[in-house]
C-alpha atoms as a PDB file:
ATOM      1  CA  UNK A   1      -3.285  -5.763 -13.315  1.00  0.00           C
ATOM      2  CA  UNK A   2      -3.139  -2.733 -11.030  1.00  0.00           C
ATOM      3  CA  UNK A   3      -0.228  -2.688  -8.605  1.00  0.00           C
ATOM      4  CA  UNK A   4      -0.749  -0.514  -5.511  1.00  0.00           C
ATOM      5  CA  UNK A   5       2.126   0.142  -3.100  1.00  0.00           C
ATOM      6  CA  UNK A   6       1.180   1.346   0.384  1.00  0.00           C
ATOM      7  CA  UNK A   7       4.061   3.542   1.536  1.00  0.00           C
ATOM      8  CA  UNK A   8       4.843   5.846   4.435  1.00  0.00           C
ATOM      9  CA  UNK A   9       8.200   6.895   5.815  1.00  0.00           C
ATOM     10  CA  UNK A  10       6.594   7.407   9.225  1.00  0.00           C
ATOM     11  CA  UNK A  11       5.415   4.559  11.438  1.00  0.00           C
ATOM     12  CA  UNK A  12       2.033   4.553  13.126  1.00  0.00           C
ATOM     13  CA  UNK A  13       0.024   5.803  10.144  1.00  0.00           C
ATOM     14  CA  UNK A  14      -2.072   2.656   9.774  1.00  0.00           C
ATOM     15  CA  UNK A  15      -0.181   1.571   6.649  1.00  0.00           C
ATOM     16  CA  UNK A  16      -0.325  -2.192   7.225  1.00  0.00           C
ATOM     17  CA  UNK A  17      -3.889  -1.974   8.517  1.00  0.00           C
ATOM     18  CA  UNK A  18      -4.873  -0.103   5.374  1.00  0.00           C
ATOM     19  CA  UNK A  19      -3.061  -2.539   3.082  1.00  0.00           C
ATOM     20  CA  UNK A  20      -4.796  -5.507   4.744  1.00  0.00           C
ATOM     21  CA  UNK A  21      -8.286  -4.048   4.704  1.00  0.00           C
ATOM     22  CA  UNK A  22      -7.890  -2.572   1.242  1.00  0.00           C
ATOM     23  CA  UNK A  23      -6.910  -6.016  -0.083  1.00  0.00           C
ATOM     24  CA  UNK A  24      -9.789  -7.745   1.723  1.00  0.00           C
ATOM     25  CA  UNK A  25     -12.325  -5.167   0.546  1.00  0.00           C
ATOM     26  CA  UNK A  26     -11.139  -5.425  -3.054  1.00  0.00           C
ATOM     27  CA  UNK A  27     -11.367  -9.225  -2.916  1.00  0.00           C
ATOM     28  CA  UNK A  28     -14.868  -9.063  -1.467  1.00  0.00           C
ATOM     29  CA  UNK A  29     -15.841  -6.777  -4.356  1.00  0.00           C
ATOM     30  CA  UNK A  30     -15.124  -9.681  -6.714  1.00  0.00           C
ATOM     31  CA  UNK A  31     -11.533  -8.874  -7.703  1.00  0.00           C
ATOM     32  CA  UNK A  32      -8.683 -11.357  -7.623  1.00  0.00           C
ATOM     33  CA  UNK A  33      -6.095  -9.861  -5.275  1.00  0.00           C
ATOM     34  CA  UNK A  34      -2.542 -10.598  -4.153  1.00  0.00           C
ATOM     35  CA  UNK A  35      -1.099  -8.921  -1.074  1.00  0.00           C
ATOM     36  CA  UNK A  36       2.723  -8.803  -1.151  1.00  0.00           C
ATOM     37  CA  UNK A  37       4.051  -8.357   2.365  1.00  0.00           C
ATOM     38  CA  UNK A  38       7.431  -6.613   2.100  1.00  0.00           C
ATOM     39  CA  UNK A  39       7.410  -5.394   5.706  1.00  0.00           C
ATOM     40  CA  UNK A  40       9.816  -7.493   7.830  1.00  0.00           C
ATOM     41  CA  UNK A  41       7.421  -7.083  10.762  1.00  0.00           C
ATOM     42  CA  UNK A  42       5.037  -9.321   8.839  1.00  0.00           C
ATOM     43  CA  UNK A  43       1.842  -7.956  10.369  1.00  0.00           C
ATOM     44  CA  UNK A  44      -0.161  -8.344   7.168  1.00  0.00           C
ATOM     45  CA  UNK A  45       0.963 -11.956   6.787  1.00  0.00           C
ATOM     46  CA  UNK A  46       0.022 -12.776  10.377  1.00  0.00           C
ATOM     47  CA  UNK A  47      -3.477 -11.369   9.934  1.00  0.00           C
ATOM     48  CA  UNK A  48      -4.136 -13.004   6.571  1.00  0.00           C
ATOM     49  CA  UNK A  49      -2.679 -16.367   7.667  1.00  0.00           C
ATOM     50  CA  UNK A  50      -4.660 -16.363  10.945  1.00  0.00           C
ATOM     51  CA  UNK A  51      -1.633 -15.842  13.149  1.00  0.00           C
ATOM     52  CA  UNK A  52       0.336 -18.738  11.716  1.00  0.00           C
ATOM     53  CA  UNK A  53       3.962 -18.121  10.648  1.00  0.00           C
ATOM     54  CA  UNK A  54       4.532 -18.483   6.926  1.00  0.00           C
ATOM     55  CA  UNK A  55       6.079 -21.708   5.746  1.00  0.00           C
ATOM     56  CA  UNK A  56       9.083 -21.253   3.433  1.00  0.00           C
ATOM     57  CA  UNK A  57       9.564 -20.038   0.791  1.00  0.00           C
ATOM     58  CA  UNK A  58       8.563 -16.471   1.551  1.00  0.00           C
ATOM     59  CA  UNK A  59       8.981 -13.040  -0.034  1.00  0.00           C
ATOM     60  CA  UNK A  60      12.664 -13.010   0.921  1.00  0.00           C
ATOM     61  CA  UNK A  61      13.387 -16.122  -1.161  1.00  0.00           C
ATOM     62  CA  UNK A  62      11.530 -14.606  -4.112  1.00  0.00           C
ATOM     63  CA  UNK A  63      13.523 -11.359  -3.957  1.00  0.00           C
ATOM     64  CA  UNK A  64      16.806 -13.247  -3.683  1.00  0.00           C
ATOM     65  CA  UNK A  65      15.962 -15.440  -6.666  1.00  0.00           C
ATOM     66  CA  UNK A  66      15.789 -18.616  -4.583  1.00  0.00           C
ATOM     67  CA  UNK A  67      12.122 -19.333  -5.342  1.00  0.00           C
ATOM     68  CA  UNK A  68       9.426 -18.414  -7.848  1.00  0.00           C
ATOM     69  CA  UNK A  69       6.605 -16.204  -6.637  1.00  0.00           C
ATOM     70  CA  UNK A  70       4.042 -18.882  -7.520  1.00  0.00           C
ATOM     71  CA  UNK A  71       5.754 -21.288  -5.108  1.00  0.00           C
ATOM     72  CA  UNK A  72       5.681 -18.744  -2.264  1.00  0.00           C
ATOM     73  CA  UNK A  73       2.145 -17.373  -2.669  1.00  0.00           C
ATOM     74  CA  UNK A  74      -0.390 -18.718  -0.152  1.00  0.00           C
ATOM     75  CA  UNK A  75      -4.209 -18.682  -0.170  1.00  0.00           C
ATOM     76  CA  UNK A  76      -5.991 -16.875   2.652  1.00  0.00           C
ATOM     77  CA  UNK A  77      -9.353 -17.352   4.317  1.00  0.00           C
ATOM     78  CA  UNK A  78     -10.845 -14.658   2.079  1.00  0.00           C
ATOM     79  CA  UNK A  79     -11.949 -16.013  -1.312  1.00  0.00           C
ATOM     80  CA  UNK A  80     -10.053 -14.322  -4.116  1.00  0.00           C
ATOM     81  CA  UNK A  81      -7.237 -13.081  -1.863  1.00  0.00           C
ATOM     82  CA  UNK A  82      -3.734 -14.588  -1.771  1.00  0.00           C
ATOM     83  CA  UNK A  83      -0.631 -13.441   0.085  1.00  0.00           C
ATOM     84  CA  UNK A  84       3.088 -13.438  -0.682  1.00  0.00           C
ATOM     85  CA  UNK A  85       4.122 -13.650   2.964  1.00  0.00           C
ATOM     86  CA  UNK A  86       6.848 -11.957   4.928  1.00  0.00           C
ATOM     87  CA  UNK A  87       9.095 -13.898   7.295  1.00  0.00           C
ATOM     88  CA  UNK A  88      11.918 -13.118   9.719  1.00  0.00           C
ATOM     89  CA  UNK A  89      14.516 -13.436   6.960  1.00  0.00           C
ATOM     90  CA  UNK A  90      13.116 -10.477   5.013  1.00  0.00           C
ATOM     91  CA  UNK A  91      15.247  -7.961   6.931  1.00  0.00           C
ATOM     92  CA  UNK A  92      18.358  -9.986   6.030  1.00  0.00           C
ATOM     93  CA  UNK A  93      17.223 -10.118   2.417  1.00  0.00           C
ATOM     94  CA  UNK A  94      17.225  -6.330   2.332  1.00  0.00           C
ATOM     95  CA  UNK A  95      20.933  -6.411   3.236  1.00  0.00           C
ATOM     96  CA  UNK A  96      21.761  -9.304   0.917  1.00  0.00           C
ATOM     97  CA  UNK A  97      20.217  -7.513  -2.036  1.00  0.00           C
ATOM     98  CA  UNK A  98      22.715  -4.664  -1.756  1.00  0.00           C
ATOM     99  CA  UNK A  99      25.236  -6.190  -4.134  1.00  0.00           C
ATOM    100  CA  UNK A 100      22.786  -8.146  -6.297  1.00  0.00           C
ATOM    101  CA  UNK A 101      22.313  -7.557 -10.011  1.00  0.00           C
ATOM    102  CA  UNK A 102      18.894  -6.100 -10.720  1.00  0.00           C
ATOM    103  CA  UNK A 103      18.368  -5.501  -7.025  1.00  0.00           C
ATOM    104  CA  UNK A 104      15.702  -2.801  -7.553  1.00  0.00           C
ATOM    105  CA  UNK A 105      13.633  -4.787 -10.049  1.00  0.00           C
ATOM    106  CA  UNK A 106      13.416  -8.197  -8.364  1.00  0.00           C
ATOM    107  CA  UNK A 107       9.768  -7.845  -7.298  1.00  0.00           C
ATOM    108  CA  UNK A 108       8.618  -6.452 -10.650  1.00  0.00           C
ATOM    109  CA  UNK A 109      10.239  -9.382 -12.429  1.00  0.00           C
ATOM    110  CA  UNK A 110       8.715 -11.887  -9.995  1.00  0.00           C
ATOM    111  CA  UNK A 111       5.194 -10.519 -10.516  1.00  0.00           C
ATOM    112  CA  UNK A 112       5.257 -10.549 -14.316  1.00  0.00           C
ATOM    113  CA  UNK A 113       2.265 -12.510 -15.578  1.00  0.00           C
ATOM    114  CA  UNK A 114       0.886 -13.068 -12.075  1.00  0.00           C
ATOM    115  CA  UNK A 115      -2.681 -12.718 -13.388  1.00  0.00           C
ATOM    116  CA  UNK A 116      -4.329 -10.798 -10.533  1.00  0.00           C
ATOM    117  CA  UNK A 117      -6.699  -7.852 -10.864  1.00  0.00           C
ATOM    118  CA  UNK A 118      -4.899  -6.066  -8.034  1.00  0.00           C
ATOM    119  CA  UNK A 119      -1.548  -6.485  -6.328  1.00  0.00           C
ATOM    120  CA  UNK A 120      -1.394  -4.650  -2.984  1.00  0.00           C
ATOM    121  CA  UNK A 121       2.099  -4.186  -1.534  1.00  0.00           C
ATOM    122  CA  UNK A 122       2.746  -3.472   2.134  1.00  0.00           C
ATOM    123  CA  UNK A 123       6.136  -1.863   2.792  1.00  0.00           C
ATOM    124  CA  UNK A 124       8.279  -1.017   5.831  1.00  0.00           C
ATOM    125  CA  UNK A 125       8.251   2.582   7.135  1.00  0.00           C
ATOM    126  CA  UNK A 126      11.879   3.115   6.109  1.00  0.00           C
ATOM    127  CA  UNK A 127      13.867   4.001   2.999  1.00  0.00           C
ATOM    128  CA  UNK A 128      15.236   0.627   1.890  1.00  0.00           C
ATOM    129  CA  UNK A 129      15.635  -1.678  -1.079  1.00  0.00           C
ATOM    130  CA  UNK A 130      12.355  -3.311  -0.069  1.00  0.00           C
ATOM    131  CA  UNK A 131      10.539  -0.017  -0.564  1.00  0.00           C
ATOM    132  CA  UNK A 132      12.411   0.659  -3.800  1.00  0.00           C
ATOM    133  CA  UNK A 133      11.370  -2.776  -5.114  1.00  0.00           C
ATOM    134  CA  UNK A 134       7.752  -1.941  -4.272  1.00  0.00           C
ATOM    135  CA  UNK A 135       7.923   1.425  -6.051  1.00  0.00           C
ATOM    136  CA  UNK A 136       9.578  -0.047  -9.143  1.00  0.00           C
ATOM    137  CA  UNK A 137       6.922  -2.785  -9.331  1.00  0.00           C
ATOM    138  CA  UNK A 138       3.976  -0.461  -8.694  1.00  0.00           C
ATOM    139  CA  UNK A 139       1.913   1.790 -10.908  1.00  0.00           C
ATOM    140  CA  UNK A 140       0.202   3.584  -8.046  1.00  0.00           C
ATOM    141  CA  UNK A 141       1.319   4.718  -4.596  1.00  0.00           C
ATOM    142  CA  UNK A 142      -1.120   4.901  -1.701  1.00  0.00           C
ATOM    143  CA  UNK A 143      -0.013   7.134   1.177  1.00  0.00           C
ATOM    144  CA  UNK A 144      -1.685   6.862   4.591  1.00  0.00           C
ATOM    145  CA  UNK A 145      -1.441   9.999   6.715  1.00  0.00           C
ATOM    146  CA  UNK A 146      -2.554  10.279  10.319  1.00  0.00           C
ATOM    147  CA  UNK A 147      -3.755  13.649  11.666  1.00  0.00           C
ATOM    148  CA  UNK A 148      -0.341  14.867  12.762  1.00  0.00           C
ATOM    149  CA  UNK A 149       1.977  17.598  11.528  1.00  0.00           C
ATOM    150  CA  UNK A 150       4.825  15.056  11.668  1.00  0.00           C
ATOM    151  CA  UNK A 151       3.011  12.966   9.069  1.00  0.00           C
ATOM    152  CA  UNK A 152       2.781  15.978   6.777  1.00  0.00           C
ATOM    153  CA  UNK A 153       6.495  16.606   7.166  1.00  0.00           C
ATOM    154  CA  UNK A 154       7.276  13.055   6.009  1.00  0.00           C
ATOM    155  CA  UNK A 155       5.407  13.460   2.722  1.00  0.00           C
ATOM    156  CA  UNK A 156       8.247  15.410   1.108  1.00  0.00           C
ATOM    157  CA  UNK A 157      10.790  12.629   1.613  1.00  0.00           C
ATOM    158  CA  UNK A 158       8.450  10.048   0.095  1.00  0.00           C
ATOM    159  CA  UNK A 159       7.761  12.340  -2.854  1.00  0.00           C
ATOM    160  CA  UNK A 160      11.514  12.536  -3.451  1.00  0.00           C
ATOM    161  CA  UNK A 161      11.814   8.733  -3.490  1.00  0.00           C
ATOM    162  CA  UNK A 162       8.939   8.463  -5.964  1.00  0.00           C
ATOM    163  CA  UNK A 163      10.543  11.022  -8.261  1.00  0.00           C
ATOM    164  CA  UNK A 164      13.876   9.156  -8.146  1.00  0.00           C
ATOM    165  CA  UNK A 165      12.146   5.921  -9.186  1.00  0.00           C
ATOM    166  CA  UNK A 166      10.398   7.729 -12.023  1.00  0.00           C
ATOM    167  CA  UNK A 167      13.592   9.268 -13.344  1.00  0.00           C
ATOM    168  CA  UNK A 168      16.265   6.682 -12.704  1.00  0.00           C
ATOM    169  CA  UNK A 169      14.676   3.237 -12.318  1.00  0.00           C
ATOM    170  CA  UNK A 170      12.572   2.850 -15.423  1.00  0.00           C
ATOM    171  CA  UNK A 171       9.117   3.540 -13.987  1.00  0.00           C
ATOM    172  CA  UNK A 172       8.112   6.963 -15.391  1.00  0.00           C
ATOM    173  CA  UNK A 173       4.405   6.170 -15.029  1.00  0.00           C
ATOM    174  CA  UNK A 174       4.580   5.766 -11.238  1.00  0.00           C
ATOM    175  CA  UNK A 175       2.095   8.118  -9.631  1.00  0.00           C
ATOM    176  CA  UNK A 176       0.418   8.884  -6.362  1.00  0.00           C
ATOM    177  CA  UNK A 177      -3.032   7.333  -6.645  1.00  0.00           C
ATOM    178  CA  UNK A 178      -4.237   8.763  -3.373  1.00  0.00           C
ATOM    179  CA  UNK A 179      -3.506  10.091   0.093  1.00  0.00           C
ATOM    180  CA  UNK A 180      -5.632   8.493   2.796  1.00  0.00           C
ATOM    181  CA  UNK A 181      -6.451  10.197   6.068  1.00  0.00           C
ATOM    182  CA  UNK A 182      -6.306   7.514   8.789  1.00  0.00           C
ATOM    183  CA  UNK A 183      -7.078   7.473  12.509  1.00  0.00           C
ATOM    184  CA  UNK A 184      -9.173  10.590  12.175  1.00  0.00           C
ATOM    185  CA  UNK A 185     -10.999  12.068  15.139  1.00  0.00           C
ATOM    186  CA  UNK A 186     -13.622  14.712  15.633  1.00  0.00           C
ATOM    187  CA  UNK A 187     -11.186  17.360  16.814  1.00  0.00           C
ATOM    188  CA  UNK A 188      -9.407  20.464  15.544  1.00  0.00           C
ATOM    189  CA  UNK A 189      -6.123  18.674  14.787  1.00  0.00           C
ATOM    190  CA  UNK A 190      -7.792  16.195  12.435  1.00  0.00           C
ATOM    191  CA  UNK A 191      -9.764  18.940  10.734  1.00  0.00           C
ATOM    192  CA  UNK A 192      -6.687  21.172  10.351  1.00  0.00           C
ATOM    193  CA  UNK A 193      -4.520  18.405   8.860  1.00  0.00           C
ATOM    194  CA  UNK A 194      -7.275  17.330   6.475  1.00  0.00           C
ATOM    195  CA  UNK A 195      -7.789  20.926   5.374  1.00  0.00           C
ATOM    196  CA  UNK A 196      -4.058  21.354   4.688  1.00  0.00           C
ATOM    197  CA  UNK A 197      -3.913  18.118   2.719  1.00  0.00           C
ATOM    198  CA  UNK A 198      -6.929  18.946   0.564  1.00  0.00           C
ATOM    199  CA  UNK A 199      -5.607  22.460  -0.092  1.00  0.00           C
ATOM    200  CA  UNK A 200      -2.179  21.148  -1.147  1.00  0.00           C
ATOM    201  CA  UNK A 201      -3.199  18.000  -3.009  1.00  0.00           C
ATOM    202  CA  UNK A 202      -6.830  18.482  -4.039  1.00  0.00           C
ATOM    203  CA  UNK A 203      -8.380  15.375  -5.598  1.00  0.00           C
ATOM    204  CA  UNK A 204      -5.305  13.317  -4.711  1.00  0.00           C
ATOM    205  CA  UNK A 205      -6.775  13.044  -1.203  1.00  0.00           C
ATOM    206  CA  UNK A 206      -9.343  10.263  -1.017  1.00  0.00           C
ATOM    207  CA  UNK A 207     -12.871  11.353  -0.167  1.00  0.00           C
ATOM    208  CA  UNK A 208     -12.922   8.423   2.257  1.00  0.00           C
ATOM    209  CA  UNK A 209     -11.285   8.909   5.653  1.00  0.00           C
ATOM    210  CA  UNK A 210     -10.604   6.150   8.178  1.00  0.00           C
ATOM    211  CA  UNK A 211     -11.845   6.926  11.694  1.00  0.00           C
ATOM    212  CA  UNK A 212     -10.109   5.891  14.883  1.00  0.00           C
ATOM    213  CA  UNK A 213     -11.848   2.683  15.943  1.00  0.00           C
ATOM    214  CA  UNK A 214     -11.333   0.229  18.780  1.00  0.00           C
ATOM    215  CA  UNK A 215     -12.734  -2.484  16.494  1.00  0.00           C
ATOM    216  CA  UNK A 216      -9.660  -2.170  14.278  1.00  0.00           C
ATOM    217  CA  UNK A 217      -7.360  -2.902  17.229  1.00  0.00           C
ATOM    218  CA  UNK A 218      -9.595  -5.744  18.392  1.00  0.00           C
ATOM    219  CA  UNK A 219      -9.444  -7.240  14.900  1.00  0.00           C
ATOM    220  CA  UNK A 220      -5.632  -7.146  14.976  1.00  0.00           C
ATOM    221  CA  UNK A 221      -5.652  -9.105  18.230  1.00  0.00           C
ATOM    222  CA  UNK A 222      -7.768 -11.793  16.610  1.00  0.00           C
ATOM    223  CA  UNK A 223      -5.682 -11.926  13.409  1.00  0.00           C
ATOM    224  CA  UNK A 224      -8.574 -10.679  11.313  1.00  0.00           C
ATOM    225  CA  UNK A 225      -9.403  -7.741   9.091  1.00  0.00           C
ATOM    226  CA  UNK A 226     -11.873  -5.303  10.608  1.00  0.00           C
ATOM    227  CA  UNK A 227     -14.102  -6.051   7.608  1.00  0.00           C
ATOM    228  CA  UNK A 228     -14.406  -9.666   8.725  1.00  0.00           C
ATOM    229  CA  UNK A 229     -14.334  -9.016  12.475  1.00  0.00           C
ATOM    230  CA  UNK A 230     -16.807  -6.132  12.667  1.00  0.00           C
ATOM    231  CA  UNK A 231     -18.335  -5.612   9.204  1.00  0.00           C
ATOM    232  CA  UNK A 232     -20.823  -3.000  10.400  1.00  0.00           C
ATOM    233  CA  UNK A 233     -18.287  -0.904  12.294  1.00  0.00           C
ATOM    234  CA  UNK A 234     -17.298   2.575  11.049  1.00  0.00           C
ATOM    235  CA  UNK A 235     -13.789   1.331  10.236  1.00  0.00           C
ATOM    236  CA  UNK A 236     -15.060  -1.575   8.121  1.00  0.00           C
ATOM    237  CA  UNK A 237     -17.517   0.639   6.253  1.00  0.00           C
ATOM    238  CA  UNK A 238     -14.739   3.163   5.604  1.00  0.00           C
ATOM    239  CA  UNK A 239     -12.402   0.579   4.068  1.00  0.00           C
ATOM    240  CA  UNK A 240     -15.231  -0.777   1.917  1.00  0.00           C
ATOM    241  CA  UNK A 241     -15.853   2.793   0.732  1.00  0.00           C
ATOM    242  CA  UNK A 242     -12.133   3.163   0.000  1.00  0.00           C
ATOM    243  CA  UNK A 243     -12.170   0.042  -2.187  1.00  0.00           C
ATOM    244  CA  UNK A 244     -15.132   1.448  -4.108  1.00  0.00           C
ATOM    245  CA  UNK A 245     -13.191   4.681  -4.677  1.00  0.00           C
ATOM    246  CA  UNK A 246     -10.078   2.820  -5.848  1.00  0.00           C
ATOM    247  CA  UNK A 247     -12.082   0.732  -8.321  1.00  0.00           C
ATOM    248  CA  UNK A 248     -13.997   3.779  -9.612  1.00  0.00           C
ATOM    249  CA  UNK A 249     -10.804   5.812 -10.046  1.00  0.00           C
ATOM    250  CA  UNK A 250      -9.284   3.023 -12.113  1.00  0.00           C
ATOM    251  CA  UNK A 251     -12.321   2.905 -14.397  1.00  0.00           C
ATOM    252  CA  UNK A 252     -12.271   6.683 -14.810  1.00  0.00           C
ATOM    253  CA  UNK A 253      -8.606   6.598 -15.720  1.00  0.00           C
ATOM    254  CA  UNK A 254      -9.160   3.955 -18.412  1.00  0.00           C
ATOM    255  CA  UNK A 255     -12.152   5.832 -19.829  1.00  0.00           C
ATOM    256  CA  UNK A 256     -10.775   9.364 -19.759  1.00  0.00           C
ATOM    257  CA  UNK A 257      -7.011   8.954 -20.057  1.00  0.00           C
ATOM    258  CA  UNK A 258      -4.180  10.751 -18.266  1.00  0.00           C
ATOM    259  CA  UNK A 259      -6.248  13.701 -17.078  1.00  0.00           C
ATOM    260  CA  UNK A 260      -8.820  11.578 -15.239  1.00  0.00           C
ATOM    261  CA  UNK A 261      -9.580  11.452 -11.560  1.00  0.00           C
ATOM    262  CA  UNK A 262      -6.918   9.329  -9.903  1.00  0.00           C
ATOM    263  CA  UNK A 263      -4.408  10.105 -12.651  1.00  0.00           C
ATOM    264  CA  UNK A 264      -2.558  13.355 -12.075  1.00  0.00           C
ATOM    265  CA  UNK A 265      -1.014  15.405 -14.885  1.00  0.00           C
ATOM    266  CA  UNK A 266       2.744  15.747 -14.553  1.00  0.00           C
ATOM    267  CA  UNK A 267       2.687  19.512 -13.983  1.00  0.00           C
ATOM    268  CA  UNK A 268       0.168  19.196 -11.159  1.00  0.00           C
ATOM    269  CA  UNK A 269       2.090  16.297  -9.616  1.00  0.00           C
ATOM    270  CA  UNK A 270       5.249  18.438  -9.613  1.00  0.00           C
ATOM    271  CA  UNK A 271       3.377  21.333  -7.998  1.00  0.00           C
ATOM    272  CA  UNK A 272       2.116  18.990  -5.270  1.00  0.00           C
ATOM    273  CA  UNK A 273       5.645  17.648  -4.818  1.00  0.00           C
ATOM    274  CA  UNK A 274       7.004  21.154  -4.246  1.00  0.00           C
ATOM    275  CA  UNK A 275       4.270  21.993  -1.741  1.00  0.00           C
ATOM    276  CA  UNK A 276       4.934  18.762   0.176  1.00  0.00           C
ATOM    277  CA  UNK A 277       8.692  19.365   0.234  1.00  0.00           C
END
């Protein structure tokens, strides 16, 4: 089971959109996928549950130990894709976890033996116990970056959080699986940001980039993934390409070991961390 946490400490990077469409594309490739919605805004849950609010229990109850994950997980309209939904009480759960025993490992414990090929975690764009739970549960971190210098500046803070989880919270294998350029445009700003990212992080930057697309916004308004709403659109094709890359990187890692594409040696990861900071 591969656990992918979509994280960004800056809003507006297309994080939830990428988590949704990544999960849908992976499911359509034949994988069994669970999307865990740890963002209190609940956008991923709304899309995958066709705009309907989640019935209790939700992710908050699972994190607080009030329900088992299997009781909270819901099927979606996409075969092979389930969702552990967010609800309004998730923000309160973040506060209530503060004094709880094992507060950082609640999600990892809940997902043990879940039996999916992929678990995709959507997180809030803040430093919180919800994000920490996602990082402790995950093996791989996916970082969406829009073509903005402010997005680049936020990478250092996220790198610091990842390193803390590696060192202090029992997840030394946590790694950045990829940095995804989102909302790209055919202009100098997009090209400059992409060039800086590829210079600093090399193969950590996905070959796939996600273009700005009105179809993505239209899909949101209809509580659908862009893959289902406009399957031939540039945005849908890009997310399908991303899923292919993610699957291929996982196979390369298993075949070639720690030095493979998608698995970064520790010394190179540290060098990238310093450049980002």
